[in-house]
Amino acid sequence: IQDHAVKFLVELPYRKLIETAAHRKIRLIVLLIPAAVKHPDFENYRDRLIPLFQQTGTEYIDFTESLTTDGQPQFSRRFDRPAFKLPVDWPDLRTIQLFRQYEWKHENQLFVDESHPTRLGNQIIARRIHEYLAQQPAAPIPR
């Protein structure tokens, strides 16, 4: 995305959010959660937003390292379709098969699709938020 588009679509909305939170004396903690499919736009947004957060004193948690394996998001399209074709159209069996495939994803992967964390991914996010809040329980509210 071009530089002016990033400023208009990403930076300005965050600046307004930061300004509104400060005006209303709301503690703002931004969560930077990467997409499951590595995309240069996320890196660009992240590289532009972190200095903004540091400049304004905005708290943030970057989940890039927590939700990747060897620098790559953990996601596979392996089970997006039934593993085998049923001989007849039995919707109940197809539904059971899909549920089992998604259950496997929730237990073994961090993302269920390109952008949504699985139960395991959400547990990692929740744990990191809990750890952050335990270490920063009384962070100053922006003025």
C-alpha atoms as a PDB file:
ATOM      1  CA  ILE A   1       0.000   0.000   0.000  1.00  0.00           C
ATOM      2  CA  GLN A   2       1.290   3.438  -0.829  1.00  0.00           C
ATOM      3  CA  ASP A   3       2.650   5.663   1.906  1.00  0.00           C
ATOM      4  CA  HIS A   4      -0.229   8.163   1.896  1.00  0.00           C
ATOM      5  CA  ALA A   5      -2.788   5.347   2.030  1.00  0.00           C
ATOM      6  CA  VAL A   6      -1.079   3.839   5.100  1.00  0.00           C
ATOM      7  CA  LYS A   7      -1.098   7.242   6.774  1.00  0.00           C
ATOM      8  CA  PHE A   8      -4.787   7.786   5.989  1.00  0.00           C
ATOM      9  CA  LEU A   9      -6.052   4.240   6.641  1.00  0.00           C
ATOM     10  CA  VAL A  10      -3.783   3.187   9.508  1.00  0.00           C
ATOM     11  CA  GLU A  11      -1.923   5.989  11.255  1.00  0.00           C
ATOM     12  CA  LEU A  12      -4.669   8.626  11.405  1.00  0.00           C
ATOM     13  CA  PRO A  13      -7.313   6.282  12.882  1.00  0.00           C
ATOM     14  CA  TYR A  14      -4.833   5.171  15.563  1.00  0.00           C
ATOM     15  CA  ARG A  15      -3.925   8.794  16.314  1.00  0.00           C
ATOM     16  CA  LYS A  16      -7.640   9.564  16.758  1.00  0.00           C
ATOM     17  CA  LEU A  17      -8.073   6.489  18.977  1.00  0.00           C
ATOM     18  CA  ILE A  18      -5.087   7.534  21.111  1.00  0.00           C
ATOM     19  CA  GLU A  19      -6.392  11.100  21.336  1.00  0.00           C
ATOM     20  CA  THR A  20      -9.901   9.961  22.290  1.00  0.00           C
ATOM     21  CA  ALA A  21      -8.606   7.546  24.942  1.00  0.00           C
ATOM     22  CA  ALA A  22      -6.423  10.278  26.457  1.00  0.00           C
ATOM     23  CA  HIS A  23      -9.285  12.792  26.428  1.00  0.00           C
ATOM     24  CA  ARG A  24     -11.609  10.324  28.174  1.00  0.00           C
ATOM     25  CA  LYS A  25      -8.835   9.100  30.497  1.00  0.00           C
ATOM     26  CA  ILE A  26      -9.148   5.523  29.241  1.00  0.00           C
ATOM     27  CA  ARG A  27      -6.193   3.183  29.435  1.00  0.00           C
ATOM     28  CA  LEU A  28      -5.530   2.032  25.885  1.00  0.00           C
ATOM     29  CA  ILE A  29      -3.547  -1.118  25.150  1.00  0.00           C
ATOM     30  CA  VAL A  30      -3.203  -1.930  21.445  1.00  0.00           C
ATOM     31  CA  LEU A  31      -2.809  -5.580  20.462  1.00  0.00           C
ATOM     32  CA  LEU A  32      -0.713  -6.153  17.343  1.00  0.00           C
ATOM     33  CA  ILE A  33      -1.894  -9.560  16.146  1.00  0.00           C
ATOM     34  CA  PRO A  34      -0.389 -10.705  12.854  1.00  0.00           C
ATOM     35  CA  ALA A  35      -2.326 -12.444  10.129  1.00  0.00           C
ATOM     36  CA  ALA A  36      -1.682 -16.145   9.710  1.00  0.00           C
ATOM     37  CA  VAL A  37      -0.386 -15.605   6.213  1.00  0.00           C
ATOM     38  CA  LYS A  38       2.764 -13.503   6.272  1.00  0.00           C
ATOM     39  CA  HIS A  39       1.994 -10.281   4.462  1.00  0.00           C
ATOM     40  CA  PRO A  40       4.287  -7.291   3.855  1.00  0.00           C
ATOM     41  CA  ASP A  41       1.452  -4.846   4.596  1.00  0.00           C
ATOM     42  CA  PHE A  42       1.264  -6.079   8.214  1.00  0.00           C
ATOM     43  CA  GLU A  43       5.010  -5.571   8.599  1.00  0.00           C
ATOM     44  CA  ASN A  44       4.632  -2.088   7.116  1.00  0.00           C
ATOM     45  CA  TYR A  45       1.762  -1.202   9.473  1.00  0.00           C
ATOM     46  CA  ARG A  46       3.623  -2.626  12.444  1.00  0.00           C
ATOM     47  CA  ASP A  47       6.822  -0.761  11.567  1.00  0.00           C
ATOM     48  CA  ARG A  48       4.849   2.492  11.278  1.00  0.00           C
ATOM     49  CA  LEU A  49       2.652   2.023  14.346  1.00  0.00           C
ATOM     50  CA  ILE A  50       5.221   0.959  16.938  1.00  0.00           C
ATOM     51  CA  PRO A  51       7.122   4.296  16.703  1.00  0.00           C
ATOM     52  CA  LEU A  52       3.769   6.114  16.945  1.00  0.00           C
ATOM     53  CA  PHE A  53       2.894   4.168  20.096  1.00  0.00           C
ATOM     54  CA  GLN A  54       6.332   4.823  21.574  1.00  0.00           C
ATOM     55  CA  GLN A  55       6.140   8.526  20.697  1.00  0.00           C
ATOM     56  CA  THR A  56       2.706   8.932  22.296  1.00  0.00           C
ATOM     57  CA  GLY A  57       3.337   6.634  25.264  1.00  0.00           C
ATOM     58  CA  THR A  58       0.611   4.252  24.105  1.00  0.00           C
ATOM     59  CA  GLU A  59       0.824   0.765  25.544  1.00  0.00           C
ATOM     60  CA  TYR A  60       0.922  -2.081  23.072  1.00  0.00           C
ATOM     61  CA  ILE A  61       1.554  -5.813  22.972  1.00  0.00           C
ATOM     62  CA  ASP A  62       3.163  -7.199  19.820  1.00  0.00           C
ATOM     63  CA  PHE A  63       2.141 -10.832  19.233  1.00  0.00           C
ATOM     64  CA  THR A  64       4.304 -11.328  16.142  1.00  0.00           C
ATOM     65  CA  GLU A  65       6.799 -13.591  17.906  1.00  0.00           C
ATOM     66  CA  SER A  66       4.190 -15.340  20.064  1.00  0.00           C
ATOM     67  CA  LEU A  67       2.024 -16.381  17.118  1.00  0.00           C
ATOM     68  CA  THR A  68       4.742 -17.513  14.735  1.00  0.00           C
ATOM     69  CA  THR A  69       7.049 -20.487  14.473  1.00  0.00           C
ATOM     70  CA  ASP A  70      10.529 -19.727  13.159  1.00  0.00           C
ATOM     71  CA  GLY A  71       9.272 -16.333  12.050  1.00  0.00           C
ATOM     72  CA  GLN A  72       6.464 -17.865   9.987  1.00  0.00           C
ATOM     73  CA  PRO A  73       2.793 -17.882  10.969  1.00  0.00           C
ATOM     74  CA  GLN A  74       1.500 -21.312  11.903  1.00  0.00           C
ATOM     75  CA  PHE A  75      -1.324 -22.025   9.491  1.00  0.00           C
ATOM     76  CA  SER A  76      -2.146 -24.771   7.036  1.00  0.00           C
ATOM     77  CA  ARG A  77      -4.950 -25.081   4.532  1.00  0.00           C
ATOM     78  CA  ARG A  78      -4.566 -28.820   4.980  1.00  0.00           C
ATOM     79  CA  PHE A  79      -8.083 -29.404   6.314  1.00  0.00           C
ATOM     80  CA  ASP A  80     -10.103 -26.661   4.663  1.00  0.00           C
ATOM     81  CA  ARG A  81     -11.945 -29.249   2.581  1.00  0.00           C
ATOM     82  CA  PRO A  82     -13.078 -32.747   3.502  1.00  0.00           C
ATOM     83  CA  ALA A  83     -10.180 -35.197   3.392  1.00  0.00           C
ATOM     84  CA  PHE A  84     -12.197 -37.644   1.321  1.00  0.00           C
ATOM     85  CA  LYS A  85     -15.287 -37.508  -0.829  1.00  0.00           C
ATOM     86  CA  LEU A  86     -18.324 -39.191   0.617  1.00  0.00           C
ATOM     87  CA  PRO A  87     -19.955 -41.743  -1.718  1.00  0.00           C
ATOM     88  CA  VAL A  88     -23.341 -40.101  -1.218  1.00  0.00           C
ATOM     89  CA  ASP A  89     -24.379 -36.697  -0.004  1.00  0.00           C
ATOM     90  CA  TRP A  90     -24.838 -37.181   3.740  1.00  0.00           C
ATOM     91  CA  PRO A  91     -24.839 -33.678   5.216  1.00  0.00           C
ATOM     92  CA  ASP A  92     -24.603 -34.967   8.788  1.00  0.00           C
ATOM     93  CA  LEU A  93     -21.444 -36.989   8.055  1.00  0.00           C
ATOM     94  CA  ARG A  94     -19.909 -34.070   6.149  1.00  0.00           C
ATOM     95  CA  THR A  95     -20.605 -31.790   9.123  1.00  0.00           C
ATOM     96  CA  ILE A  96     -19.046 -34.273  11.561  1.00  0.00           C
ATOM     97  CA  GLN A  97     -15.990 -34.559   9.337  1.00  0.00           C
ATOM     98  CA  LEU A  98     -15.568 -30.768   9.149  1.00  0.00           C
ATOM     99  CA  PHE A  99     -15.962 -30.426  12.927  1.00  0.00           C
ATOM    100  CA  ARG A 100     -13.242 -33.025  13.493  1.00  0.00           C
ATOM    101  CA  GLN A 101     -10.927 -31.208  11.091  1.00  0.00           C
ATOM    102  CA  TYR A 102     -11.491 -27.874  12.834  1.00  0.00           C
ATOM    103  CA  GLU A 103     -11.036 -29.512  16.222  1.00  0.00           C
ATOM    104  CA  TRP A 104      -7.614 -30.717  15.027  1.00  0.00           C
ATOM    105  CA  LYS A 105      -6.761 -27.164  13.930  1.00  0.00           C
ATOM    106  CA  HIS A 106      -7.812 -25.719  17.304  1.00  0.00           C
ATOM    107  CA  GLU A 107      -5.583 -28.212  19.125  1.00  0.00           C
ATOM    108  CA  ASN A 108      -2.540 -28.114  16.828  1.00  0.00           C
ATOM    109  CA  GLN A 109      -2.359 -24.765  15.028  1.00  0.00           C
ATOM    110  CA  LEU A 110      -2.427 -21.104  16.010  1.00  0.00           C
ATOM    111  CA  PHE A 111      -4.794 -19.954  13.238  1.00  0.00           C
ATOM    112  CA  VAL A 112      -7.959 -21.543  11.896  1.00  0.00           C
ATOM    113  CA  ASP A 113      -7.768 -19.497   8.680  1.00  0.00           C
ATOM    114  CA  GLU A 114      -5.753 -16.590   7.298  1.00  0.00           C
ATOM    115  CA  SER A 115      -6.641 -14.188  10.102  1.00  0.00           C
ATOM    116  CA  HIS A 116      -8.514 -15.825  12.992  1.00  0.00           C
ATOM    117  CA  PRO A 117      -6.651 -17.417  15.909  1.00  0.00           C
ATOM    118  CA  THR A 118      -7.680 -20.876  17.035  1.00  0.00           C
ATOM    119  CA  ARG A 119      -8.496 -21.743  20.629  1.00  0.00           C
ATOM    120  CA  LEU A 120      -4.762 -22.393  21.119  1.00  0.00           C
ATOM    121  CA  GLY A 121      -3.873 -19.039  19.514  1.00  0.00           C
ATOM    122  CA  ASN A 122      -6.401 -17.246  21.710  1.00  0.00           C
ATOM    123  CA  GLN A 123      -4.959 -18.939  24.807  1.00  0.00           C
ATOM    124  CA  ILE A 124      -1.529 -17.549  23.911  1.00  0.00           C
ATOM    125  CA  ILE A 125      -3.026 -14.086  23.398  1.00  0.00           C
ATOM    126  CA  ALA A 126      -4.926 -14.250  26.700  1.00  0.00           C
ATOM    127  CA  ARG A 127      -1.841 -15.462  28.576  1.00  0.00           C
ATOM    128  CA  ARG A 128       0.297 -12.622  27.183  1.00  0.00           C
ATOM    129  CA  ILE A 129      -2.364 -10.030  28.062  1.00  0.00           C
ATOM    130  CA  HIS A 130      -2.592 -11.458  31.589  1.00  0.00           C
ATOM    131  CA  GLU A 131       1.201 -11.389  31.994  1.00  0.00           C
ATOM    132  CA  TYR A 132       1.344  -7.822  30.685  1.00  0.00           C
ATOM    133  CA  LEU A 133      -1.391  -6.603  33.032  1.00  0.00           C
ATOM    134  CA  ALA A 134       0.224  -8.393  35.980  1.00  0.00           C
ATOM    135  CA  GLN A 135       3.484  -6.538  35.253  1.00  0.00           C
ATOM    136  CA  GLN A 136       1.806  -3.200  34.470  1.00  0.00           C
ATOM    137  CA  PRO A 137      -1.266  -3.123  36.742  1.00  0.00           C
ATOM    138  CA  ALA A 138      -1.329   0.604  37.381  1.00  0.00           C
ATOM    139  CA  ALA A 139       0.081   2.123  34.232  1.00  0.00           C
ATOM    140  CA  PRO A 140      -0.524   5.843  34.082  1.00  0.00           C
ATOM    141  CA  ILE A 141      -3.608   6.923  32.208  1.00  0.00           C
ATOM    142  CA  PRO A 142      -2.738   9.266  29.314  1.00  0.00           C
ATOM    143  CA  ARG A 143      -3.369  12.934  29.966  1.00  0.00           C
END
